[in-house]
């Protein structure tokens, strides 16, 4: 697990309130769709990887569409695809880390607006939690780390031996 994934899991362990979610799923995923956290209150046929990939793709598609809107300011966008009782709601987490999305998938709700407000509150708390717990840890690879080679002191003969069974 990555450091950020551990911090997210710790947040949800400490966060009181997920057990009150009904007919819902909460998923945190990276921009590339890799799920970092998942919580479901119902049985489903989809898995976290599929949902994460679709969430990442939907966000990127919606983000690209906003480029056609004149005078778009740097605002906190949200993605909502819903009816009066079921749908999908996605918000982007804010911080000094790669883009992450918190999504809420729900059905059979009497008041989805109240739950969307609650998801925004979870997002704000998670943003602060990540900022507090990642402030001393860089989630990006530094230039110095990029220059470290896996086989920095390997000889040509050792390389030949390493791949001798592959090359026939």
Protein backbone atom coordinates (compact mmCIF):
# COMPACT_ATOMS: atom_id res chain seq x y z
CA UNK A 1 0.00 0.00 0.00
CA UNK A 2 1.14 3.51 -0.81
CA UNK A 3 1.49 6.02 2.01
CA UNK A 4 -1.53 7.98 0.78
CA UNK A 5 -3.63 4.80 0.65
CA UNK A 6 -2.69 3.97 4.25
CA UNK A 7 -3.60 7.49 5.37
CA UNK A 8 -6.98 7.26 3.60
CA UNK A 9 -7.72 3.89 5.24
CA UNK A 10 -6.75 5.35 8.63
CA UNK A 11 -9.09 8.29 8.07
CA UNK A 12 -12.04 6.00 7.42
CA UNK A 13 -11.15 3.81 10.41
CA UNK A 14 -11.27 6.92 12.60
CA UNK A 15 -14.25 8.52 10.84
CA UNK A 16 -17.50 7.75 12.64
CA UNK A 17 -20.50 7.61 10.40
CA UNK A 18 -19.98 5.20 7.53
CA UNK A 19 -22.16 2.64 9.27
CA UNK A 20 -25.12 5.04 8.90
CA UNK A 21 -24.88 4.93 5.09
CA UNK A 22 -27.75 2.99 3.57
CA UNK A 23 -27.99 1.69 0.00
CA UNK A 24 -24.70 3.32 -0.87
CA UNK A 25 -21.08 2.85 -1.80
CA UNK A 26 -18.18 5.20 -1.15
CA UNK A 27 -15.03 4.88 -3.25
CA UNK A 28 -11.77 6.84 -3.35
CA UNK A 29 -9.75 6.35 -6.50
CA UNK A 30 -6.80 7.84 -8.33
CA UNK A 31 -7.02 9.63 -11.67
CA UNK A 32 -6.01 6.41 -13.45
CA UNK A 33 -8.92 4.61 -11.77
CA UNK A 34 -6.97 2.60 -9.21
CA UNK A 35 -9.20 2.31 -6.12
CA UNK A 36 -7.59 3.30 -2.81
CA UNK A 37 -10.60 2.78 -0.55
CA UNK A 38 -14.02 1.21 -0.94
CA UNK A 39 -17.02 0.86 1.35
CA UNK A 40 -20.30 -0.73 0.19
CA UNK A 41 -23.52 -1.32 2.06
CA UNK A 42 -25.04 -3.51 -0.66
CA UNK A 43 -24.09 -6.50 -2.79
CA UNK A 44 -23.17 -5.58 -6.32
CA UNK A 45 -21.92 -7.16 -9.50
CA UNK A 46 -19.23 -4.51 -10.10
CA UNK A 47 -15.82 -4.61 -8.54
CA UNK A 48 -13.77 -1.72 -7.19
CA UNK A 49 -11.30 -1.72 -10.09
CA UNK A 50 -14.05 -1.43 -12.69
CA UNK A 51 -15.85 1.30 -10.75
CA UNK A 52 -12.58 3.18 -10.18
CA UNK A 53 -11.69 3.09 -13.87
CA UNK A 54 -15.13 4.37 -14.84
CA UNK A 55 -15.05 7.10 -12.19
CA UNK A 56 -11.62 8.29 -13.32
CA UNK A 57 -12.78 8.26 -16.94
CA UNK A 58 -16.02 10.12 -16.22
CA UNK A 59 -14.18 12.81 -14.29
CA UNK A 60 -11.60 13.30 -17.02
CA UNK A 61 -14.32 13.44 -19.70
CA UNK A 62 -16.32 16.02 -17.73
CA UNK A 63 -13.14 18.00 -17.00
CA UNK A 64 -12.33 18.07 -20.73
CA UNK A 65 -15.85 19.23 -21.57
CA UNK A 66 -15.48 22.19 -19.20
CA UNK A 67 -12.71 23.48 -21.47
CA UNK A 68 -15.46 24.43 -23.96
CA UNK A 69 -17.07 26.75 -21.40
CA UNK A 70 -15.82 30.32 -21.72
CA UNK A 71 -14.28 32.00 -18.70
CA UNK A 72 -14.06 28.90 -16.54
CA UNK A 73 -12.47 29.82 -13.25
CA UNK A 74 -10.54 27.55 -10.94
CA UNK A 75 -13.55 26.23 -9.07
CA UNK A 76 -14.37 23.10 -7.12
CA UNK A 77 -16.29 21.08 -9.66
CA UNK A 78 -18.43 18.11 -8.80
CA UNK A 79 -19.91 15.45 -11.02
CA UNK A 80 -23.49 14.36 -10.49
CA UNK A 81 -25.50 11.91 -12.55
CA UNK A 82 -28.73 11.10 -10.79
CA UNK A 83 -32.48 10.85 -10.57
CA UNK A 84 -34.57 11.86 -7.59
CA UNK A 85 -33.57 8.72 -5.65
CA UNK A 86 -30.44 7.15 -7.14
CA UNK A 87 -27.22 8.16 -8.82
CA UNK A 88 -23.52 8.87 -8.72
CA UNK A 89 -21.85 11.88 -7.11
CA UNK A 90 -18.10 12.54 -7.48
CA UNK A 91 -15.89 15.24 -5.97
CA UNK A 92 -12.15 15.79 -6.37
CA UNK A 93 -10.02 15.79 -3.24
CA UNK A 94 -7.81 18.85 -2.80
CA UNK A 95 -4.22 18.74 -1.70
CA UNK A 96 -0.58 18.46 -2.66
CA UNK A 97 -0.94 15.01 -4.20
CA UNK A 98 -2.04 13.40 -7.43
CA UNK A 99 -5.72 13.90 -8.29
CA UNK A 100 -8.01 11.71 -6.18
CA UNK A 101 -11.78 11.34 -6.45
CA UNK A 102 -14.30 10.59 -3.74
CA UNK A 103 -17.40 9.04 -5.24
CA UNK A 104 -20.74 8.23 -3.73
CA UNK A 105 -22.99 5.71 -5.49
CA UNK A 106 -26.49 5.40 -4.07
CA UNK A 107 -30.03 4.16 -4.69
CA UNK A 108 -33.43 4.24 -3.01
CA UNK A 109 -32.76 7.43 -1.04
CA UNK A 110 -35.47 9.83 0.09
CA UNK A 111 -33.14 12.83 0.35
CA UNK A 112 -30.09 12.58 -1.94
CA UNK A 113 -29.30 16.29 -1.48
CA UNK A 114 -28.68 15.75 2.22
CA UNK A 115 -26.33 12.85 1.48
CA UNK A 116 -24.47 14.88 -1.16
CA UNK A 117 -23.96 17.56 1.46
CA UNK A 118 -22.63 14.90 3.80
CA UNK A 119 -20.24 13.61 1.12
CA UNK A 120 -18.94 17.17 0.66
CA UNK A 121 -18.38 17.30 4.42
CA UNK A 122 -16.48 13.98 4.30
CA UNK A 123 -14.42 15.40 1.43
CA UNK A 124 -13.50 18.51 3.45
CA UNK A 125 -12.55 16.43 6.49
CA UNK A 126 -10.54 13.99 4.36
CA UNK A 127 -8.76 16.93 2.66
CA UNK A 128 -7.70 18.28 6.06
CA UNK A 129 -6.73 14.82 7.31
CA UNK A 130 -4.57 14.17 4.24
CA UNK A 131 -2.97 17.59 4.55
CA UNK A 132 -2.14 16.96 8.21
CA UNK A 133 -0.81 13.44 7.70
CA UNK A 134 1.03 13.97 4.42
CA UNK A 135 2.54 17.39 5.11
CA UNK A 136 5.95 15.91 5.95
CA UNK A 137 5.85 13.19 3.33
CA UNK A 138 6.11 13.88 -0.38
CA UNK A 139 3.75 11.70 -2.41
CA UNK A 140 5.65 12.50 -5.59
CA UNK A 141 9.00 11.02 -6.58
CA UNK A 142 11.76 13.55 -6.14
CA UNK A 143 14.35 14.17 -8.84
CA UNK A 144 17.01 12.52 -6.72
CA UNK A 145 14.91 9.35 -6.34
CA UNK A 146 14.30 9.22 -10.10
CA UNK A 147 18.04 9.02 -10.70
CA UNK A 148 18.51 5.89 -8.59
CA UNK A 149 18.94 2.91 -10.89
CA UNK A 150 17.76 -0.54 -9.96
CA UNK A 151 20.91 -2.18 -11.36
CA UNK A 152 23.43 0.60 -10.83
CA UNK A 153 26.46 -1.63 -10.30
CA UNK A 154 25.75 -4.66 -12.48
CA UNK A 155 28.31 -5.91 -14.98
CA UNK A 156 27.68 -6.84 -18.61
CA UNK A 157 28.28 -10.50 -17.77
CA UNK A 158 25.72 -10.36 -14.97
CA UNK A 159 23.21 -8.77 -17.36
CA UNK A 160 23.84 -11.52 -19.90
CA UNK A 161 23.28 -14.15 -17.19
CA UNK A 162 20.14 -12.41 -16.03
CA UNK A 163 18.49 -12.61 -19.45
CA UNK A 164 20.16 -15.81 -20.77
CA UNK A 165 17.02 -17.90 -20.36
CA UNK A 166 14.84 -15.30 -22.06
CA UNK A 167 17.01 -15.03 -25.17
CA UNK A 168 17.07 -18.34 -26.95
